């Protein structure tokens, strides 16, 4: 029986769910493109990707994780879903509760439904009653849950999360994180907690009040506009002192190494052709 548990973004990663890319790729152009995607193209780079190459790069990450003692569960494929290799968005764990996301894109709903077999018997699973919220917008910090209010997550979803956590006995404040620009895909493309008191940040997309909050609570490693568009802020902490970054993130890796962190690197260049990377392709189920 799965017993989800995570109290931070950097606890030792014991169990993670992943899903391979499908052979279906998203429609990025043409008259039928959703307005949300049109806005997101202003802050992120979207390019067609080769599914087989994405799966090969995922295998490299899976081998790395298993070599570090992390159990990797591969979720079943969902026919017709072009971004199913980003399971971070379909659910997230807060303390002892696994929260099922409310996805903003209707074509992604089957992705969340496919998680159900893994949850059989799980003691605390929360289903939200309104709004939208996706795991890429959710970050755990001390006694709070930070929730980015970008294109995919709504204030109503944030409120539903607060109520659900209270119902399941989780005593955390759910704090909204607002952006200074439209078109934000997810919080974790621009802000990621990587270690105790340390975070990556792309400052340009946040208003002064949010920057003040981050400066008060974290040692911030700045991410440039170019690095953010390459999704280099979307890293994966697998222990309090260990972070996986993408190949080519040399400057960011150097900044993190200078803070005493062990840096592991994988080639994720094909995965990041649409705005998701290491954090997006992993759904932590248990962190020590």
C-alpha atoms as a PDB file:
ATOM      1  CA  UNK A   1       0.000   0.000   0.000  1.00  0.00           C
ATOM      2  CA  UNK A   2       1.281   3.449  -0.925  1.00  0.00           C
ATOM      3  CA  UNK A   3       1.745   5.778   2.037  1.00  0.00           C
ATOM      4  CA  UNK A   4       2.570   9.224   0.592  1.00  0.00           C
ATOM      5  CA  UNK A   5       4.752  11.531   2.662  1.00  0.00           C
ATOM      6  CA  UNK A   6       6.632  14.759   1.902  1.00  0.00           C
ATOM      7  CA  UNK A   7       7.271  17.749   4.131  1.00  0.00           C
ATOM      8  CA  UNK A   8       9.710  19.661   1.909  1.00  0.00           C
ATOM      9  CA  UNK A   9      10.983  20.065  -1.634  1.00  0.00           C
ATOM     10  CA  UNK A  10      14.366  18.542  -0.807  1.00  0.00           C
ATOM     11  CA  UNK A  11      13.860  15.613   1.582  1.00  0.00           C
ATOM     12  CA  UNK A  12      15.607  12.419   0.474  1.00  0.00           C
ATOM     13  CA  UNK A  13      13.582  11.150  -2.488  1.00  0.00           C
ATOM     14  CA  UNK A  14      12.519   7.577  -1.708  1.00  0.00           C
ATOM     15  CA  UNK A  15       9.705   6.961  -4.203  1.00  0.00           C
ATOM     16  CA  UNK A  16       8.754   8.827  -7.351  1.00  0.00           C
ATOM     17  CA  UNK A  17       6.241   8.270 -10.140  1.00  0.00           C
ATOM     18  CA  UNK A  18       7.093   8.965 -13.763  1.00  0.00           C
ATOM     19  CA  UNK A  19       5.450   8.368 -17.120  1.00  0.00           C
ATOM     20  CA  UNK A  20       7.045   8.019 -20.536  1.00  0.00           C
ATOM     21  CA  UNK A  21       6.267  10.468 -23.309  1.00  0.00           C
ATOM     22  CA  UNK A  22       3.594   9.258 -25.706  1.00  0.00           C
ATOM     23  CA  UNK A  23       3.825   9.193 -29.479  1.00  0.00           C
ATOM     24  CA  UNK A  24       1.271  12.024 -29.631  1.00  0.00           C
ATOM     25  CA  UNK A  25       2.801  15.495 -29.733  1.00  0.00           C
ATOM     26  CA  UNK A  26       0.969  18.739 -28.929  1.00  0.00           C
ATOM     27  CA  UNK A  27      -0.426  20.998 -31.629  1.00  0.00           C
ATOM     28  CA  UNK A  28       1.580  24.184 -31.126  1.00  0.00           C
ATOM     29  CA  UNK A  29       0.309  26.240 -34.075  1.00  0.00           C
ATOM     30  CA  UNK A  30      -2.800  26.877 -36.102  1.00  0.00           C
ATOM     31  CA  UNK A  31      -6.244  28.387 -35.539  1.00  0.00           C
ATOM     32  CA  UNK A  32      -7.263  25.820 -32.937  1.00  0.00           C
ATOM     33  CA  UNK A  33      -4.496  26.630 -30.446  1.00  0.00           C
ATOM     34  CA  UNK A  34      -5.883  27.413 -27.010  1.00  0.00           C
ATOM     35  CA  UNK A  35      -5.574  31.061 -25.841  1.00  0.00           C
ATOM     36  CA  UNK A  36      -3.713  29.899 -22.719  1.00  0.00           C
ATOM     37  CA  UNK A  37      -1.003  28.367 -24.899  1.00  0.00           C
ATOM     38  CA  UNK A  38      -0.829  31.543 -26.954  1.00  0.00           C
ATOM     39  CA  UNK A  39      -0.164  33.559 -23.778  1.00  0.00           C
ATOM     40  CA  UNK A  40       2.337  30.996 -22.481  1.00  0.00           C
ATOM     41  CA  UNK A  41       4.378  31.336 -25.654  1.00  0.00           C
ATOM     42  CA  UNK A  42       5.219  34.886 -24.558  1.00  0.00           C
ATOM     43  CA  UNK A  43       7.142  33.609 -21.516  1.00  0.00           C
ATOM     44  CA  UNK A  44       8.317  30.160 -22.660  1.00  0.00           C
ATOM     45  CA  UNK A  45       9.754  28.445 -25.699  1.00  0.00           C
ATOM     46  CA  UNK A  46       7.590  25.801 -27.377  1.00  0.00           C
ATOM     47  CA  UNK A  47       9.035  23.527 -30.058  1.00  0.00           C
ATOM     48  CA  UNK A  48       8.056  20.111 -31.454  1.00  0.00           C
ATOM     49  CA  UNK A  49       9.877  17.212 -29.794  1.00  0.00           C
ATOM     50  CA  UNK A  50      10.773  13.669 -30.771  1.00  0.00           C
ATOM     51  CA  UNK A  51       8.982  11.265 -28.373  1.00  0.00           C
ATOM     52  CA  UNK A  52      11.572   8.493 -28.697  1.00  0.00           C
ATOM     53  CA  UNK A  53      14.382  10.888 -27.751  1.00  0.00           C
ATOM     54  CA  UNK A  54      12.373  12.174 -24.809  1.00  0.00           C
ATOM     55  CA  UNK A  55      11.882   8.609 -23.572  1.00  0.00           C
ATOM     56  CA  UNK A  56      15.595   7.881 -23.955  1.00  0.00           C
ATOM     57  CA  UNK A  57      16.472  10.947 -21.883  1.00  0.00           C
ATOM     58  CA  UNK A  58      13.892   9.927 -19.295  1.00  0.00           C
ATOM     59  CA  UNK A  59      15.608   6.535 -19.075  1.00  0.00           C
ATOM     60  CA  UNK A  60      18.848   8.294 -18.204  1.00  0.00           C
ATOM     61  CA  UNK A  61      17.130  10.090 -15.329  1.00  0.00           C
ATOM     62  CA  UNK A  62      15.415   6.881 -14.183  1.00  0.00           C
ATOM     63  CA  UNK A  63      18.756   5.067 -14.088  1.00  0.00           C
ATOM     64  CA  UNK A  64      20.294   7.925 -12.108  1.00  0.00           C
ATOM     65  CA  UNK A  65      17.454   7.964  -9.587  1.00  0.00           C
ATOM     66  CA  UNK A  66      17.490   4.201  -9.110  1.00  0.00           C
ATOM     67  CA  UNK A  67      21.252   4.309  -8.718  1.00  0.00           C
ATOM     68  CA  UNK A  68      20.739   6.739  -5.868  1.00  0.00           C
ATOM     69  CA  UNK A  69      18.253   4.444  -4.133  1.00  0.00           C
ATOM     70  CA  UNK A  70      14.994   6.006  -5.320  1.00  0.00           C
ATOM     71  CA  UNK A  71      12.137   3.678  -6.226  1.00  0.00           C
ATOM     72  CA  UNK A  72      10.719   4.723  -9.606  1.00  0.00           C
ATOM     73  CA  UNK A  73       7.167   3.687 -10.487  1.00  0.00           C
ATOM     74  CA  UNK A  74       6.276   4.047 -14.162  1.00  0.00           C
ATOM     75  CA  UNK A  75       2.636   5.002 -14.628  1.00  0.00           C
ATOM     76  CA  UNK A  76       0.601   3.457 -17.432  1.00  0.00           C
ATOM     77  CA  UNK A  77       0.344   5.334 -20.702  1.00  0.00           C
ATOM     78  CA  UNK A  78      -2.753   7.404 -21.419  1.00  0.00           C
ATOM     79  CA  UNK A  79      -3.779   7.295 -25.100  1.00  0.00           C
ATOM     80  CA  UNK A  80      -4.109  10.661 -26.787  1.00  0.00           C
ATOM     81  CA  UNK A  81      -2.398  12.782 -24.111  1.00  0.00           C
ATOM     82  CA  UNK A  82       0.552  14.706 -25.607  1.00  0.00           C
ATOM     83  CA  UNK A  83       2.243  15.868 -22.381  1.00  0.00           C
ATOM     84  CA  UNK A  84       1.700  12.885 -20.114  1.00  0.00           C
ATOM     85  CA  UNK A  85       5.438  12.749 -19.335  1.00  0.00           C
ATOM     86  CA  UNK A  86       4.840  15.677 -16.950  1.00  0.00           C
ATOM     87  CA  UNK A  87       3.089  13.862 -14.052  1.00  0.00           C
ATOM     88  CA  UNK A  88       4.111  16.542 -11.543  1.00  0.00           C
ATOM     89  CA  UNK A  89       0.952  18.409 -12.528  1.00  0.00           C
ATOM     90  CA  UNK A  90      -1.578  15.660 -11.882  1.00  0.00           C
ATOM     91  CA  UNK A  91      -1.022  15.314  -8.119  1.00  0.00           C
ATOM     92  CA  UNK A  92       1.244  16.411  -5.283  1.00  0.00           C
ATOM     93  CA  UNK A  93       2.020  15.312  -1.735  1.00  0.00           C
ATOM     94  CA  UNK A  94       1.790  17.651   1.248  1.00  0.00           C
ATOM     95  CA  UNK A  95       2.809  16.049   4.544  1.00  0.00           C
ATOM     96  CA  UNK A  96       0.736  12.821   4.729  1.00  0.00           C
ATOM     97  CA  UNK A  97      -1.841  13.807   2.080  1.00  0.00           C
ATOM     98  CA  UNK A  98      -1.756  13.075  -1.626  1.00  0.00           C
ATOM     99  CA  UNK A  99      -3.719  15.830  -3.344  1.00  0.00           C
ATOM    100  CA  UNK A 100      -5.287  15.124  -6.711  1.00  0.00           C
ATOM    101  CA  UNK A 101      -4.869  18.158  -8.923  1.00  0.00           C
ATOM    102  CA  UNK A 102      -7.683  19.871 -10.809  1.00  0.00           C
ATOM    103  CA  UNK A 103      -6.164  20.278 -14.257  1.00  0.00           C
ATOM    104  CA  UNK A 104      -6.896  23.369 -16.291  1.00  0.00           C
ATOM    105  CA  UNK A 105      -6.719  21.580 -19.663  1.00  0.00           C
ATOM    106  CA  UNK A 106      -9.586  19.175 -20.266  1.00  0.00           C
ATOM    107  CA  UNK A 107      -7.493  17.025 -22.620  1.00  0.00           C
ATOM    108  CA  UNK A 108      -5.197  16.240 -19.655  1.00  0.00           C
ATOM    109  CA  UNK A 109      -7.927  14.900 -17.370  1.00  0.00           C
ATOM    110  CA  UNK A 110      -7.284  11.243 -18.311  1.00  0.00           C
ATOM    111  CA  UNK A 111      -3.720  11.649 -17.031  1.00  0.00           C
ATOM    112  CA  UNK A 112      -4.976  12.154 -13.484  1.00  0.00           C
ATOM    113  CA  UNK A 113      -7.467   9.313 -13.780  1.00  0.00           C
ATOM    114  CA  UNK A 114      -4.633   6.943 -14.695  1.00  0.00           C
ATOM    115  CA  UNK A 115      -3.039   7.571 -11.301  1.00  0.00           C
ATOM    116  CA  UNK A 116      -5.971   5.909  -9.516  1.00  0.00           C
ATOM    117  CA  UNK A 117      -4.615   2.321  -9.459  1.00  0.00           C
ATOM    118  CA  UNK A 118      -1.517   3.473  -7.603  1.00  0.00           C
ATOM    119  CA  UNK A 119      -3.651   5.084  -4.898  1.00  0.00           C
ATOM    120  CA  UNK A 120      -5.663   2.018  -3.943  1.00  0.00           C
ATOM    121  CA  UNK A 121      -5.619   1.879  -0.160  1.00  0.00           C
ATOM    122  CA  UNK A 122      -3.702   5.131   0.305  1.00  0.00           C
ATOM    123  CA  UNK A 123      -4.921   6.504   3.653  1.00  0.00           C
ATOM    124  CA  UNK A 124      -5.205  10.217   2.796  1.00  0.00           C
ATOM    125  CA  UNK A 125      -6.160  11.282  -0.729  1.00  0.00           C
ATOM    126  CA  UNK A 126      -7.703  14.739  -1.184  1.00  0.00           C
ATOM    127  CA  UNK A 127     -10.015  15.623  -4.055  1.00  0.00           C
ATOM    128  CA  UNK A 128     -10.589  19.352  -4.458  1.00  0.00           C
ATOM    129  CA  UNK A 129     -14.086  20.733  -4.958  1.00  0.00           C
ATOM    130  CA  UNK A 130     -13.536  23.757  -7.211  1.00  0.00           C
ATOM    131  CA  UNK A 131     -11.091  25.817  -9.232  1.00  0.00           C
ATOM    132  CA  UNK A 132      -7.916  24.596 -10.887  1.00  0.00           C
ATOM    133  CA  UNK A 133      -4.526  23.785  -9.415  1.00  0.00           C
ATOM    134  CA  UNK A 134      -1.549  21.901 -10.840  1.00  0.00           C
ATOM    135  CA  UNK A 135       1.491  20.478  -9.088  1.00  0.00           C
ATOM    136  CA  UNK A 136       3.949  22.643 -11.012  1.00  0.00           C
ATOM    137  CA  UNK A 137       2.531  25.608  -9.122  1.00  0.00           C
ATOM    138  CA  UNK A 138       2.910  24.039  -5.657  1.00  0.00           C
ATOM    139  CA  UNK A 139       6.000  24.261  -3.417  1.00  0.00           C
ATOM    140  CA  UNK A 140       6.424  23.314   0.241  1.00  0.00           C
ATOM    141  CA  UNK A 141       8.206  25.787   2.505  1.00  0.00           C
ATOM    142  CA  UNK A 142       8.373  25.518   6.310  1.00  0.00           C
ATOM    143  CA  UNK A 143       4.793  25.783   7.601  1.00  0.00           C
ATOM    144  CA  UNK A 144       3.419  27.051   4.322  1.00  0.00           C
ATOM    145  CA  UNK A 145       2.426  25.844   0.888  1.00  0.00           C
ATOM    146  CA  UNK A 146       3.388  28.302  -1.862  1.00  0.00           C
ATOM    147  CA  UNK A 147       0.979  28.274  -4.802  1.00  0.00           C
ATOM    148  CA  UNK A 148       1.669  30.151  -8.019  1.00  0.00           C
ATOM    149  CA  UNK A 149      -1.353  31.839  -9.578  1.00  0.00           C
ATOM    150  CA  UNK A 150      -0.385  31.664 -13.232  1.00  0.00           C
ATOM    151  CA  UNK A 151      -2.268  30.359 -16.252  1.00  0.00           C
ATOM    152  CA  UNK A 152      -3.076  26.917 -14.838  1.00  0.00           C
ATOM    153  CA  UNK A 153      -3.947  27.571 -11.177  1.00  0.00           C
ATOM    154  CA  UNK A 154      -6.793  29.747  -9.926  1.00  0.00           C
ATOM    155  CA  UNK A 155      -7.593  31.482  -6.617  1.00  0.00           C
ATOM    156  CA  UNK A 156     -10.563  29.134  -6.262  1.00  0.00           C
ATOM    157  CA  UNK A 157      -8.229  26.153  -6.554  1.00  0.00           C
ATOM    158  CA  UNK A 158      -5.979  27.642  -3.893  1.00  0.00           C
ATOM    159  CA  UNK A 159      -8.943  28.042  -1.554  1.00  0.00           C
ATOM    160  CA  UNK A 160     -10.068  24.486  -2.227  1.00  0.00           C
ATOM    161  CA  UNK A 161      -6.581  23.248  -1.345  1.00  0.00           C
ATOM    162  CA  UNK A 162      -6.605  25.139   1.951  1.00  0.00           C
ATOM    163  CA  UNK A 163      -9.942  23.572   2.905  1.00  0.00           C
ATOM    164  CA  UNK A 164      -8.846  20.089   1.879  1.00  0.00           C
ATOM    165  CA  UNK A 165      -5.649  20.282   3.911  1.00  0.00           C
ATOM    166  CA  UNK A 166      -7.562  21.433   6.978  1.00  0.00           C
ATOM    167  CA  UNK A 167      -9.992  18.541   6.513  1.00  0.00           C
ATOM    168  CA  UNK A 168      -7.084  16.080   6.487  1.00  0.00           C
ATOM    169  CA  UNK A 169      -5.416  17.623   9.529  1.00  0.00           C
ATOM    170  CA  UNK A 170      -2.599  19.485   7.773  1.00  0.00           C
ATOM    171  CA  UNK A 171      -1.750  22.716   9.615  1.00  0.00           C
ATOM    172  CA  UNK A 172      -0.171  24.816   6.877  1.00  0.00           C
ATOM    173  CA  UNK A 173      -0.928  28.232   5.451  1.00  0.00           C
ATOM    174  CA  UNK A 174      -1.558  28.135   1.716  1.00  0.00           C
ATOM    175  CA  UNK A 175       0.119  31.293   0.418  1.00  0.00           C
ATOM    176  CA  UNK A 176      -0.551  32.638  -3.080  1.00  0.00           C
ATOM    177  CA  UNK A 177       2.394  33.649  -5.239  1.00  0.00           C
ATOM    178  CA  UNK A 178       1.448  36.225  -7.844  1.00  0.00           C
ATOM    179  CA  UNK A 179       3.227  37.101 -11.058  1.00  0.00           C
ATOM    180  CA  UNK A 180       3.981  40.428 -12.686  1.00  0.00           C
ATOM    181  CA  UNK A 181       3.295  39.147 -16.210  1.00  0.00           C
ATOM    182  CA  UNK A 182       0.736  36.983 -17.986  1.00  0.00           C
ATOM    183  CA  UNK A 183       1.606  33.725 -19.689  1.00  0.00           C
ATOM    184  CA  UNK A 184       3.312  31.905 -16.804  1.00  0.00           C
ATOM    185  CA  UNK A 185       3.092  28.159 -17.326  1.00  0.00           C
ATOM    186  CA  UNK A 186       3.968  27.116 -13.757  1.00  0.00           C
ATOM    187  CA  UNK A 187       5.732  28.518 -10.719  1.00  0.00           C
ATOM    188  CA  UNK A 188       8.505  25.916 -10.910  1.00  0.00           C
ATOM    189  CA  UNK A 189       9.723  27.256 -14.252  1.00  0.00           C
ATOM    190  CA  UNK A 190      10.658  30.476 -12.443  1.00  0.00           C
ATOM    191  CA  UNK A 191      11.104  29.607  -8.768  1.00  0.00           C
ATOM    192  CA  UNK A 192      12.299  26.311  -7.309  1.00  0.00           C
ATOM    193  CA  UNK A 193      13.382  25.464  -3.771  1.00  0.00           C
ATOM    194  CA  UNK A 194      16.522  23.347  -4.083  1.00  0.00           C
ATOM    195  CA  UNK A 195      17.840  22.948  -0.529  1.00  0.00           C
ATOM    196  CA  UNK A 196      17.123  24.207   3.002  1.00  0.00           C
ATOM    197  CA  UNK A 197      16.889  27.984   2.668  1.00  0.00           C
ATOM    198  CA  UNK A 198      18.079  28.025  -0.953  1.00  0.00           C
ATOM    199  CA  UNK A 199      16.050  28.646  -4.110  1.00  0.00           C
ATOM    200  CA  UNK A 200      16.443  29.471  -7.783  1.00  0.00           C
ATOM    201  CA  UNK A 201      14.536  32.520  -8.989  1.00  0.00           C
ATOM    202  CA  UNK A 202      13.799  34.296 -12.255  1.00  0.00           C
ATOM    203  CA  UNK A 203      13.146  37.707 -10.759  1.00  0.00           C
ATOM    204  CA  UNK A 204      11.693  39.412 -13.818  1.00  0.00           C
ATOM    205  CA  UNK A 205       8.328  37.657 -13.601  1.00  0.00           C
ATOM    206  CA  UNK A 206       7.551  38.534  -9.970  1.00  0.00           C
ATOM    207  CA  UNK A 207       6.194  41.790  -8.497  1.00  0.00           C
ATOM    208  CA  UNK A 208       8.105  43.605  -5.706  1.00  0.00           C
ATOM    209  CA  UNK A 209       5.981  42.147  -2.889  1.00  0.00           C
ATOM    210  CA  UNK A 210       6.797  38.580  -3.929  1.00  0.00           C
ATOM    211  CA  UNK A 211      10.477  39.378  -4.360  1.00  0.00           C
ATOM    212  CA  UNK A 212      10.506  40.830  -0.853  1.00  0.00           C
ATOM    213  CA  UNK A 213       9.004  37.618   0.528  1.00  0.00           C
ATOM    214  CA  UNK A 214      11.523  35.427  -1.291  1.00  0.00           C
ATOM    215  CA  UNK A 215      14.444  37.593  -0.175  1.00  0.00           C
ATOM    216  CA  UNK A 216      13.312  37.294   3.432  1.00  0.00           C
ATOM    217  CA  UNK A 217      13.100  33.492   3.341  1.00  0.00           C
ATOM    218  CA  UNK A 218      15.753  32.242   0.907  1.00  0.00           C
ATOM    219  CA  UNK A 219      19.303  32.564  -0.278  1.00  0.00           C
ATOM    220  CA  UNK A 220      18.380  33.268  -3.884  1.00  0.00           C
ATOM    221  CA  UNK A 221      20.295  32.107  -6.937  1.00  0.00           C
ATOM    222  CA  UNK A 222      19.295  34.292  -9.865  1.00  0.00           C
ATOM    223  CA  UNK A 223      18.188  32.734 -13.149  1.00  0.00           C
ATOM    224  CA  UNK A 224      18.471  34.834 -16.292  1.00  0.00           C
ATOM    225  CA  UNK A 225      15.763  35.278 -18.906  1.00  0.00           C
ATOM    226  CA  UNK A 226      17.664  33.008 -21.300  1.00  0.00           C
ATOM    227  CA  UNK A 227      18.090  30.333 -18.632  1.00  0.00           C
ATOM    228  CA  UNK A 228      14.418  30.542 -17.676  1.00  0.00           C
ATOM    229  CA  UNK A 229      13.324  30.046 -21.289  1.00  0.00           C
ATOM    230  CA  UNK A 230      15.584  27.001 -21.399  1.00  0.00           C
ATOM    231  CA  UNK A 231      13.705  25.746 -18.292  1.00  0.00           C
ATOM    232  CA  UNK A 232      16.939  25.630 -16.304  1.00  0.00           C
ATOM    233  CA  UNK A 233      15.214  26.708 -13.079  1.00  0.00           C
ATOM    234  CA  UNK A 234      13.182  23.491 -13.189  1.00  0.00           C
ATOM    235  CA  UNK A 235      15.660  21.299 -11.312  1.00  0.00           C
ATOM    236  CA  UNK A 236      15.082  18.308  -9.031  1.00  0.00           C
ATOM    237  CA  UNK A 237      16.387  18.069  -5.477  1.00  0.00           C
ATOM    238  CA  UNK A 238      16.772  14.439  -4.409  1.00  0.00           C
ATOM    239  CA  UNK A 239      18.289  15.102  -0.968  1.00  0.00           C
ATOM    240  CA  UNK A 240      18.972  18.186   1.170  1.00  0.00           C
ATOM    241  CA  UNK A 241      22.457  18.419  -0.341  1.00  0.00           C
ATOM    242  CA  UNK A 242      21.930  16.963  -3.833  1.00  0.00           C
ATOM    243  CA  UNK A 243      20.335  18.525  -6.915  1.00  0.00           C
ATOM    244  CA  UNK A 244      19.919  17.226 -10.455  1.00  0.00           C
ATOM    245  CA  UNK A 245      20.254  19.870 -13.180  1.00  0.00           C
ATOM    246  CA  UNK A 246      20.119  19.724 -16.960  1.00  0.00           C
ATOM    247  CA  UNK A 247      23.214  19.624 -19.114  1.00  0.00           C
ATOM    248  CA  UNK A 248      24.079  23.151 -20.195  1.00  0.00           C
ATOM    249  CA  UNK A 249      23.079  24.726 -16.882  1.00  0.00           C
ATOM    250  CA  UNK A 250      26.729  25.373 -16.092  1.00  0.00           C
ATOM    251  CA  UNK A 251      26.369  28.793 -14.476  1.00  0.00           C
ATOM    252  CA  UNK A 252      23.476  27.683 -12.252  1.00  0.00           C
ATOM    253  CA  UNK A 253      25.308  24.474 -11.376  1.00  0.00           C
ATOM    254  CA  UNK A 254      28.354  26.488 -10.369  1.00  0.00           C
ATOM    255  CA  UNK A 255      26.281  28.752  -8.128  1.00  0.00           C
ATOM    256  CA  UNK A 256      24.700  25.764  -6.394  1.00  0.00           C
ATOM    257  CA  UNK A 257      28.019  23.932  -6.039  1.00  0.00           C
ATOM    258  CA  UNK A 258      29.500  27.038  -4.437  1.00  0.00           C
ATOM    259  CA  UNK A 259      26.821  26.671  -1.757  1.00  0.00           C
ATOM    260  CA  UNK A 260      28.037  23.173  -0.933  1.00  0.00           C
ATOM    261  CA  UNK A 261      25.502  21.175  -2.947  1.00  0.00           C
ATOM    262  CA  UNK A 262      26.329  18.045  -4.908  1.00  0.00           C
ATOM    263  CA  UNK A 263      25.315  18.593  -8.530  1.00  0.00           C
ATOM    264  CA  UNK A 264      24.258  15.757 -10.836  1.00  0.00           C
ATOM    265  CA  UNK A 265      23.675  16.421 -14.522  1.00  0.00           C
ATOM    266  CA  UNK A 266      21.510  14.780 -17.194  1.00  0.00           C
ATOM    267  CA  UNK A 267      20.844  15.659 -20.822  1.00  0.00           C
ATOM    268  CA  UNK A 268      17.196  16.733 -20.975  1.00  0.00           C
ATOM    269  CA  UNK A 269      17.466  18.886 -24.085  1.00  0.00           C
ATOM    270  CA  UNK A 270      14.635  17.130 -25.939  1.00  0.00           C
ATOM    271  CA  UNK A 271      12.323  17.129 -22.909  1.00  0.00           C
ATOM    272  CA  UNK A 272      12.677  20.894 -22.509  1.00  0.00           C
ATOM    273  CA  UNK A 273      11.531  21.707 -26.025  1.00  0.00           C
ATOM    274  CA  UNK A 274       8.226  22.474 -24.346  1.00  0.00           C
ATOM    275  CA  UNK A 275       8.380  24.246 -20.975  1.00  0.00           C
ATOM    276  CA  UNK A 276       8.957  21.388 -18.574  1.00  0.00           C
ATOM    277  CA  UNK A 277      12.044  19.716 -17.235  1.00  0.00           C
ATOM    278  CA  UNK A 278      13.318  17.566 -14.391  1.00  0.00           C
ATOM    279  CA  UNK A 279      10.804  18.628 -11.766  1.00  0.00           C
ATOM    280  CA  UNK A 280       7.905  18.387 -14.198  1.00  0.00           C
ATOM    281  CA  UNK A 281       8.688  14.813 -15.225  1.00  0.00           C
ATOM    282  CA  UNK A 282       8.753  13.529 -11.638  1.00  0.00           C
ATOM    283  CA  UNK A 283       5.956  13.136  -9.096  1.00  0.00           C
ATOM    284  CA  UNK A 284       7.496  12.599  -5.635  1.00  0.00           C
ATOM    285  CA  UNK A 285       5.402  10.214  -3.566  1.00  0.00           C
ATOM    286  CA  UNK A 286       7.702   9.764  -0.589  1.00  0.00           C
ATOM    287  CA  UNK A 287      10.459  11.990   0.744  1.00  0.00           C
ATOM    288  CA  UNK A 288      12.279  11.141   3.966  1.00  0.00           C
END
